[in-house]
C-alpha atoms as a PDB file:
ATOM      1  CA  MET A   1      42.522  59.282  61.787  1.00  0.00           C
ATOM      2  CA  THR A   2      39.801  61.441  59.613  1.00  0.00           C
ATOM      3  CA  ASN A   3      37.486  60.376  58.330  1.00  0.00           C
ATOM      4  CA  ARG A   4      38.703  60.917  54.726  1.00  0.00           C
ATOM      5  CA  ALA A   5      41.615  58.159  55.985  1.00  0.00           C
ATOM      6  CA  ALA A   6      39.313  56.106  57.821  1.00  0.00           C
ATOM      7  CA  LYS A   7      37.378  55.940  53.901  1.00  0.00           C
ATOM      8  CA  GLN A   8      40.470  55.097  52.139  1.00  0.00           C
ATOM      9  CA  ARG A   9      41.674  52.065  54.545  1.00  0.00           C
ATOM     10  CA  ILE A  10      38.316  50.548  52.888  1.00  0.00           C
ATOM     11  CA  TYR A  11      38.935  51.068  49.232  1.00  0.00           C
ATOM     12  CA  GLU A  12      42.200  49.694  49.830  1.00  0.00           C
ATOM     13  CA  GLN A  13      41.447  46.628  50.834  1.00  0.00           C
ATOM     14  CA  PHE A  14      39.623  46.220  48.134  1.00  0.00           C
ATOM     15  CA  ALA A  15      42.289  47.748  46.134  1.00  0.00           C
ATOM     16  CA  ARG A  16      43.803  44.143  47.212  1.00  0.00           C
ATOM     17  CA  ILE A  17      41.474  42.457  45.668  1.00  0.00           C
ATOM     18  CA  GLY A  18      41.997  43.822  42.348  1.00  0.00           C
ATOM     19  CA  LYS A  19      45.880  43.603  42.824  1.00  0.00           C
ATOM     20  CA  ALA A  20      45.791  39.875  43.270  1.00  0.00           C
ATOM     21  CA  LEU A  21      44.227  39.307  40.415  1.00  0.00           C
ATOM     22  CA  ALA A  22      46.294  41.713  37.792  1.00  0.00           C
ATOM     23  CA  ALA A  23      48.638  39.343  36.626  1.00  0.00           C
ATOM     24  CA  SER A  24      46.643  36.249  34.145  1.00  0.00           C
ATOM     25  CA  GLY A  25      48.850  33.502  35.269  1.00  0.00           C
ATOM     26  CA  ARG A  26      46.815  33.982  38.359  1.00  0.00           C
ATOM     27  CA  LEU A  27      43.755  33.983  36.584  1.00  0.00           C
ATOM     28  CA  GLU A  28      44.591  30.753  34.982  1.00  0.00           C
ATOM     29  CA  LEU A  29      45.557  29.315  38.715  1.00  0.00           C
ATOM     30  CA  ILE A  30      41.850  30.439  40.118  1.00  0.00           C
ATOM     31  CA  ASP A  31      40.436  28.813  36.850  1.00  0.00           C
ATOM     32  CA  LEU A  32      42.022  26.093  37.110  1.00  0.00           C
ATOM     33  CA  LEU A  33      40.887  25.563  40.781  1.00  0.00           C
ATOM     34  CA  SER A  34      37.216  26.378  40.008  1.00  0.00           C
ATOM     35  CA  GLN A  35      37.503  22.836  38.501  1.00  0.00           C
ATOM     36  CA  GLY A  36      38.401  21.454  42.322  1.00  0.00           C
ATOM     37  CA  GLU A  37      41.542  21.867  44.592  1.00  0.00           C
ATOM     38  CA  ARG A  38      45.004  20.602  43.539  1.00  0.00           C
ATOM     39  CA  PRO A  39      49.020  20.485  44.649  1.00  0.00           C
ATOM     40  CA  VAL A  40      51.486  23.504  42.684  1.00  0.00           C
ATOM     41  CA  ASP A  41      53.045  20.442  41.028  1.00  0.00           C
ATOM     42  CA  ALA A  42      49.192  19.456  38.567  1.00  0.00           C
ATOM     43  CA  LEU A  43      48.695  23.634  38.677  1.00  0.00           C
ATOM     44  CA  ALA A  44      52.018  24.102  37.445  1.00  0.00           C
ATOM     45  CA  ARG A  45      51.932  21.793  34.937  1.00  0.00           C
ATOM     46  CA  GLU A  46      48.256  22.309  33.427  1.00  0.00           C
ATOM     47  CA  ALA A  47      49.084  26.180  33.137  1.00  0.00           C
ATOM     48  CA  ALA A  48      52.586  25.200  31.734  1.00  0.00           C
ATOM     49  CA  MET A  49      54.672  27.252  34.656  1.00  0.00           C
ATOM     50  CA  SER A  50      57.462  26.296  36.568  1.00  0.00           C
ATOM     51  CA  ILE A  51      56.200  25.168  40.156  1.00  0.00           C
ATOM     52  CA  ALA A  52      58.469  27.747  41.587  1.00  0.00           C
ATOM     53  CA  ASN A  53      56.594  30.332  38.782  1.00  0.00           C
ATOM     54  CA  ALA A  54      53.194  29.078  39.937  1.00  0.00           C
ATOM     55  CA  SER A  55      53.764  28.787  43.866  1.00  0.00           C
ATOM     56  CA  GLN A  56      54.983  33.167  43.241  1.00  0.00           C
ATOM     57  CA  HIS A  57      51.434  33.315  42.418  1.00  0.00           C
ATOM     58  CA  LEU A  58      50.036  31.053  44.439  1.00  0.00           C
ATOM     59  CA  GLN A  59      51.922  32.489  47.561  1.00  0.00           C
ATOM     60  CA  VAL A  60      49.890  36.425  46.257  1.00  0.00           C
ATOM     61  CA  LEU A  61      46.485  34.650  46.152  1.00  0.00           C
ATOM     62  CA  HIS A  62      47.029  33.202  49.534  1.00  0.00           C
ATOM     63  CA  ALA A  63      47.314  36.930  50.819  1.00  0.00           C
ATOM     64  CA  ALA A  64      44.470  38.094  49.478  1.00  0.00           C
ATOM     65  CA  ARG A  65      42.806  35.099  50.911  1.00  0.00           C
ATOM     66  CA  LEU A  66      41.481  33.573  47.348  1.00  0.00           C
ATOM     67  CA  VAL A  67      42.613  30.760  47.613  1.00  0.00           C
ATOM     68  CA  ASP A  68      43.580  28.264  50.997  1.00  0.00           C
ATOM     69  CA  THR A  69      45.897  25.502  51.100  1.00  0.00           C
ATOM     70  CA  ARG A  70      45.941  21.713  53.149  1.00  0.00           C
ATOM     71  CA  ARG A  71      48.278  19.308  53.648  1.00  0.00           C
ATOM     72  CA  ASP A  72      48.691  15.430  53.062  1.00  0.00           C
ATOM     73  CA  GLY A  73      51.413  14.306  54.139  1.00  0.00           C
ATOM     74  CA  GLN A  74      54.687  16.603  52.415  1.00  0.00           C
ATOM     75  CA  ARG A  75      52.206  17.587  49.534  1.00  0.00           C
ATOM     76  CA  ILE A  76      50.668  21.144  49.842  1.00  0.00           C
ATOM     77  CA  PHE A  77      46.576  21.375  48.244  1.00  0.00           C
ATOM     78  CA  TYR A  78      45.280  24.704  46.932  1.00  0.00           C
ATOM     79  CA  ARG A  79      41.751  25.205  46.478  1.00  0.00           C
ATOM     80  CA  LEU A  80      39.871  28.549  46.085  1.00  0.00           C
ATOM     81  CA  ALA A  81      38.461  29.611  49.497  1.00  0.00           C
ATOM     82  CA  ALA A  82      35.447  30.643  48.985  1.00  0.00           C
ATOM     83  CA  PRO A  83      32.153  30.334  46.925  1.00  0.00           C
ATOM     84  CA  SER A  84      32.378  33.702  46.035  1.00  0.00           C
ATOM     85  CA  VAL A  85      36.183  33.828  44.725  1.00  0.00           C
ATOM     86  CA  VAL A  86      34.293  31.453  41.875  1.00  0.00           C
ATOM     87  CA  ASN A  87      31.442  34.110  41.920  1.00  0.00           C
ATOM     88  CA  LEU A  88      33.958  36.755  41.067  1.00  0.00           C
ATOM     89  CA  TRP A  89      35.977  35.079  38.687  1.00  0.00           C
ATOM     90  CA  LEU A  90      32.629  34.259  36.429  1.00  0.00           C
ATOM     91  CA  ALA A  91      31.484  38.343  36.652  1.00  0.00           C
ATOM     92  CA  LEU A  92      35.010  39.110  35.546  1.00  0.00           C
ATOM     93  CA  GLN A  93      34.994  36.978  32.645  1.00  0.00           C
ATOM     94  CA  SER A  94      30.806  38.429  31.987  1.00  0.00           C
ATOM     95  CA  THR A  95      32.484  41.871  32.525  1.00  0.00           C
ATOM     96  CA  ALA A  96      35.312  40.969  30.066  1.00  0.00           C
ATOM     97  CA  GLU A  97      32.772  39.367  27.342  1.00  0.00           C
ATOM     98  CA  SER A  98      30.732  42.657  27.226  1.00  0.00           C
ATOM     99  CA  GLN A  99      32.874  45.465  27.621  1.00  0.00           C
ATOM    100  CA  LEU A 100      36.017  44.098  25.322  1.00  0.00           C
ATOM    101  CA  ALA A 101      35.359  43.827  22.096  1.00  0.00           C
ATOM    102  CA  GLU A 102      38.695  41.937  21.048  1.00  0.00           C
ATOM    103  CA  LEU A 103      38.435  39.030  24.211  1.00  0.00           C
ATOM    104  CA  ARG A 104      35.983  37.478  21.119  1.00  0.00           C
ATOM    105  CA  ALA A 105      39.166  37.695  18.827  1.00  0.00           C
ATOM    106  CA  VAL A 106      41.409  36.509  20.525  1.00  0.00           C
ATOM    107  CA  ALA A 107      39.341  34.172  21.604  1.00  0.00           C
ATOM    108  CA  ARG A 108      38.932  32.277  18.154  1.00  0.00           C
ATOM    109  CA  ASP A 109      42.480  32.755  16.852  1.00  0.00           C
ATOM    110  CA  TYR A 110      42.680  29.845  20.393  1.00  0.00           C
ATOM    111  CA  LEU A 111      39.753  28.215  19.760  1.00  0.00           C
ATOM    112  CA  GLY A 112      38.712  28.622  16.226  1.00  0.00           C
ATOM    113  CA  ASP A 113      34.953  29.750  15.505  1.00  0.00           C
ATOM    114  CA  PRO A 114      33.132  28.223  18.641  1.00  0.00           C
ATOM    115  CA  ASP A 115      29.284  29.266  16.672  1.00  0.00           C
ATOM    116  CA  ASP A 116      30.714  25.964  13.943  1.00  0.00           C
ATOM    117  CA  PHE A 117      29.458  23.751  16.442  1.00  0.00           C
ATOM    118  CA  GLU A 118      26.388  24.920  17.385  1.00  0.00           C
ATOM    119  CA  PRO A 119      27.005  25.289  21.324  1.00  0.00           C
ATOM    120  CA  ILE A 120      24.233  24.211  23.373  1.00  0.00           C
ATOM    121  CA  GLU A 121      23.064  27.126  25.922  1.00  0.00           C
ATOM    122  CA  ARG A 122      22.564  25.324  29.687  1.00  0.00           C
ATOM    123  CA  ASP A 123      19.624  26.294  29.823  1.00  0.00           C
ATOM    124  CA  GLU A 124      18.607  23.949  26.477  1.00  0.00           C
ATOM    125  CA  LEU A 125      20.980  21.441  27.576  1.00  0.00           C
ATOM    126  CA  ALA A 126      19.628  20.713  31.510  1.00  0.00           C
ATOM    127  CA  ARG A 127      16.010  20.244  29.287  1.00  0.00           C
ATOM    128  CA  ARG A 128      17.972  18.005  27.254  1.00  0.00           C
ATOM    129  CA  ILE A 129      19.307  16.314  30.521  1.00  0.00           C
ATOM    130  CA  GLU A 130      16.283  16.136  31.995  1.00  0.00           C
ATOM    131  CA  ALA A 131      14.056  14.567  29.193  1.00  0.00           C
ATOM    132  CA  GLY A 132      17.129  11.718  28.829  1.00  0.00           C
ATOM    133  CA  THR A 133      17.550  12.694  25.279  1.00  0.00           C
ATOM    134  CA  VAL A 134      21.062  13.371  24.905  1.00  0.00           C
ATOM    135  CA  VAL A 135      24.247  11.437  26.534  1.00  0.00           C
ATOM    136  CA  LEU A 136      26.123  14.110  28.304  1.00  0.00           C
ATOM    137  CA  ILE A 137      29.864  13.564  28.722  1.00  0.00           C
ATOM    138  CA  ASP A 138      32.770  14.984  30.947  1.00  0.00           C
ATOM    139  CA  VAL A 139      36.156  15.272  29.873  1.00  0.00           C
ATOM    140  CA  ARG A 140      38.055  16.931  31.829  1.00  0.00           C
ATOM    141  CA  PRO A 141      40.844  14.679  33.678  1.00  0.00           C
ATOM    142  CA  PRO A 142      39.120  12.213  36.294  1.00  0.00           C
ATOM    143  CA  GLU A 143      40.269  14.095  39.263  1.00  0.00           C
ATOM    144  CA  GLU A 144      37.965  16.911  38.007  1.00  0.00           C
ATOM    145  CA  PHE A 145      35.124  15.011  37.069  1.00  0.00           C
ATOM    146  CA  GLU A 146      35.249  13.497  40.917  1.00  0.00           C
ATOM    147  CA  GLN A 147      35.569  16.967  42.812  1.00  0.00           C
ATOM    148  CA  GLY A 148      32.239  17.797  41.022  1.00  0.00           C
ATOM    149  CA  HIS A 149      30.105  17.650  37.247  1.00  0.00           C
ATOM    150  CA  ILE A 150      27.239  17.828  36.145  1.00  0.00           C
ATOM    151  CA  ALA A 151      24.363  15.216  37.483  1.00  0.00           C
ATOM    152  CA  GLY A 152      24.203  12.651  34.583  1.00  0.00           C
ATOM    153  CA  ALA A 153      27.735  13.523  33.106  1.00  0.00           C
ATOM    154  CA  VAL A 154      29.892   9.928  31.919  1.00  0.00           C
ATOM    155  CA  SER A 155      33.528  11.136  32.550  1.00  0.00           C
ATOM    156  CA  VAL A 156      35.232  10.488  29.363  1.00  0.00           C
ATOM    157  CA  PRO A 157      38.866  11.865  29.404  1.00  0.00           C
ATOM    158  CA  ILE A 158      39.974  13.880  25.947  1.00  0.00           C
ATOM    159  CA  ASP A 159      42.024  11.313  26.012  1.00  0.00           C
ATOM    160  CA  GLU A 160      39.962   8.492  26.001  1.00  0.00           C
ATOM    161  CA  ILE A 161      37.816  10.019  23.912  1.00  0.00           C
ATOM    162  CA  LYS A 162      38.843   8.034  20.495  1.00  0.00           C
ATOM    163  CA  THR A 163      38.790   4.294  22.828  1.00  0.00           C
ATOM    164  CA  TRP A 164      34.962   5.642  23.764  1.00  0.00           C
ATOM    165  CA  ALA A 165      33.803   6.670  20.253  1.00  0.00           C
ATOM    166  CA  ARG A 166      34.112   3.037  19.019  1.00  0.00           C
ATOM    167  CA  ALA A 167      31.133   2.065  21.421  1.00  0.00           C
ATOM    168  CA  ALA A 168      29.195   5.698  21.541  1.00  0.00           C
ATOM    169  CA  PRO A 169      25.937   5.820  21.579  1.00  0.00           C
ATOM    170  CA  LYS A 170      24.292   6.509  18.250  1.00  0.00           C
ATOM    171  CA  ARG A 171      20.892   6.587  18.578  1.00  0.00           C
ATOM    172  CA  LYS A 172      20.960   9.634  20.722  1.00  0.00           C
ATOM    173  CA  GLN A 173      22.553  13.693  20.326  1.00  0.00           C
ATOM    174  CA  ILE A 174      26.471  13.613  22.462  1.00  0.00           C
ATOM    175  CA  VAL A 175      26.866  16.414  23.873  1.00  0.00           C
ATOM    176  CA  ALA A 176      30.792  17.189  25.631  1.00  0.00           C
ATOM    177  CA  TYR A 177      31.736  20.183  28.334  1.00  0.00           C
ATOM    178  CA  CYS A 178      34.754  21.059  29.633  1.00  0.00           C
ATOM    179  CA  ARG A 179      35.928  24.041  31.985  1.00  0.00           C
ATOM    180  CA  GLY A 180      33.650  26.398  30.510  1.00  0.00           C
ATOM    181  CA  PRO A 181      33.128  28.726  27.038  1.00  0.00           C
ATOM    182  CA  TYR A 182      37.353  28.833  27.414  1.00  0.00           C
ATOM    183  CA  CYS A 183      38.399  25.187  26.944  1.00  0.00           C
ATOM    184  CA  VAL A 184      39.272  23.223  24.227  1.00  0.00           C
ATOM    185  CA  TYR A 185      38.825  19.857  25.252  1.00  0.00           C
ATOM    186  CA  ALA A 186      35.108  19.869  24.334  1.00  0.00           C
ATOM    187  CA  LEU A 187      35.960  21.228  20.316  1.00  0.00           C
ATOM    188  CA  GLN A 188      38.467  18.307  20.868  1.00  0.00           C
ATOM    189  CA  ALA A 189      36.129  15.798  21.443  1.00  0.00           C
ATOM    190  CA  VAL A 190      33.325  17.016  19.319  1.00  0.00           C
ATOM    191  CA  THR A 191      35.465  17.095  16.287  1.00  0.00           C
ATOM    192  CA  GLU A 192      36.897  13.474  16.962  1.00  0.00           C
ATOM    193  CA  LEU A 193      33.499  12.177  17.477  1.00  0.00           C
ATOM    194  CA  GLN A 194      31.786  13.739  14.775  1.00  0.00           C
ATOM    195  CA  LYS A 195      34.810  12.219  12.515  1.00  0.00           C
ATOM    196  CA  ARG A 196      33.036   8.136  13.403  1.00  0.00           C
ATOM    197  CA  GLY A 197      29.911   9.874  12.195  1.00  0.00           C
ATOM    198  CA  LEU A 198      28.426  10.769  15.609  1.00  0.00           C
ATOM    199  CA  ARG A 199      25.823  13.176  16.399  1.00  0.00           C
ATOM    200  CA  ALA A 200      27.614  15.068  19.040  1.00  0.00           C
ATOM    201  CA  VAL A 201      27.764  19.127  19.921  1.00  0.00           C
ATOM    202  CA  ARG A 202      29.397  20.441  22.590  1.00  0.00           C
ATOM    203  CA  ALA A 203      27.813  22.364  25.593  1.00  0.00           C
ATOM    204  CA  GLU A 204      29.159  25.988  26.099  1.00  0.00           C
ATOM    205  CA  VAL A 205      29.244  25.428  29.716  1.00  0.00           C
ATOM    206  CA  GLY A 206      31.160  24.378  32.406  1.00  0.00           C
ATOM    207  CA  VAL A 207      30.650  22.882  36.222  1.00  0.00           C
ATOM    208  CA  SER A 208      31.655  26.990  37.595  1.00  0.00           C
ATOM    209  CA  GLU A 209      28.875  28.071  35.470  1.00  0.00           C
ATOM    210  CA  TRP A 210      26.274  25.738  36.294  1.00  0.00           C
ATOM    211  CA  HIS A 211      26.387  25.705  39.765  1.00  0.00           C
ATOM    212  CA  ALA A 212      26.118  29.141  39.641  1.00  0.00           C
ATOM    213  CA  ALA A 213      22.974  28.763  38.579  1.00  0.00           C
ATOM    214  CA  GLY A 214      21.589  26.954  41.076  1.00  0.00           C
ATOM    215  CA  LEU A 215      21.770  23.582  38.713  1.00  0.00           C
ATOM    216  CA  PRO A 216      22.756  20.020  40.328  1.00  0.00           C
ATOM    217  CA  ILE A 217      26.363  19.013  40.564  1.00  0.00           C
ATOM    218  CA  GLU A 218      27.850  15.316  41.792  1.00  0.00           C
ATOM    219  CA  THR A 219      30.648  14.529  42.594  1.00  0.00           C
ATOM    220  CA  GLY A 220      32.417  10.702  42.562  1.00  0.00           C
ATOM    221  CA  ARG A 221      32.979   8.510  40.044  1.00  0.00           C
ATOM    222  CA  THR A 222      31.097   6.998  36.982  1.00  0.00           C
ATOM    223  CA  PRO A 223      29.141   4.688  38.484  1.00  0.00           C
END
């Protein structure tokens, strides 16, 4: 084998990762798996896919060693293969945000104008949590919260937000977060809380971004 051919094989290995990422459905599955492991039926439901379609996407990701599996009885659970996969996903998002002007317009069509909700940046949120001046709520599904959440957060799934608001603290600011900057749950929660006269804002980050910055993550249910 010539030196050139050997070098080309290296780039072919890199291309395996690129090919595995080259589908919007697979990126959504990676985003969901960055919140914690799940069986294929749960992933399909969250991503609005058929189980067959989700399975095909997961097989591609598994072949590229981006996801791993474990069996629990008759069910197979999928998880991201390594922390580097989360970092890759976050880097891809960051690159798209800086290079693709269309992304902001597309995101606004989906989310509305996020700036209307005065998002709190990561470092400012960390300071407020340490100072004890905010109530931090995680509005993702409970199974995602239990697998990992921002330290100090309280689990308030989005479908429970109206009930929780009845007894929500009035004196402290409430900060809602979900799966990251392109998740609507936090925006929906803030809207509902503000309707009830509560001081609520959203965080611009989720667990993946928080953890990648070296900030504390907890597991388990809310005490």
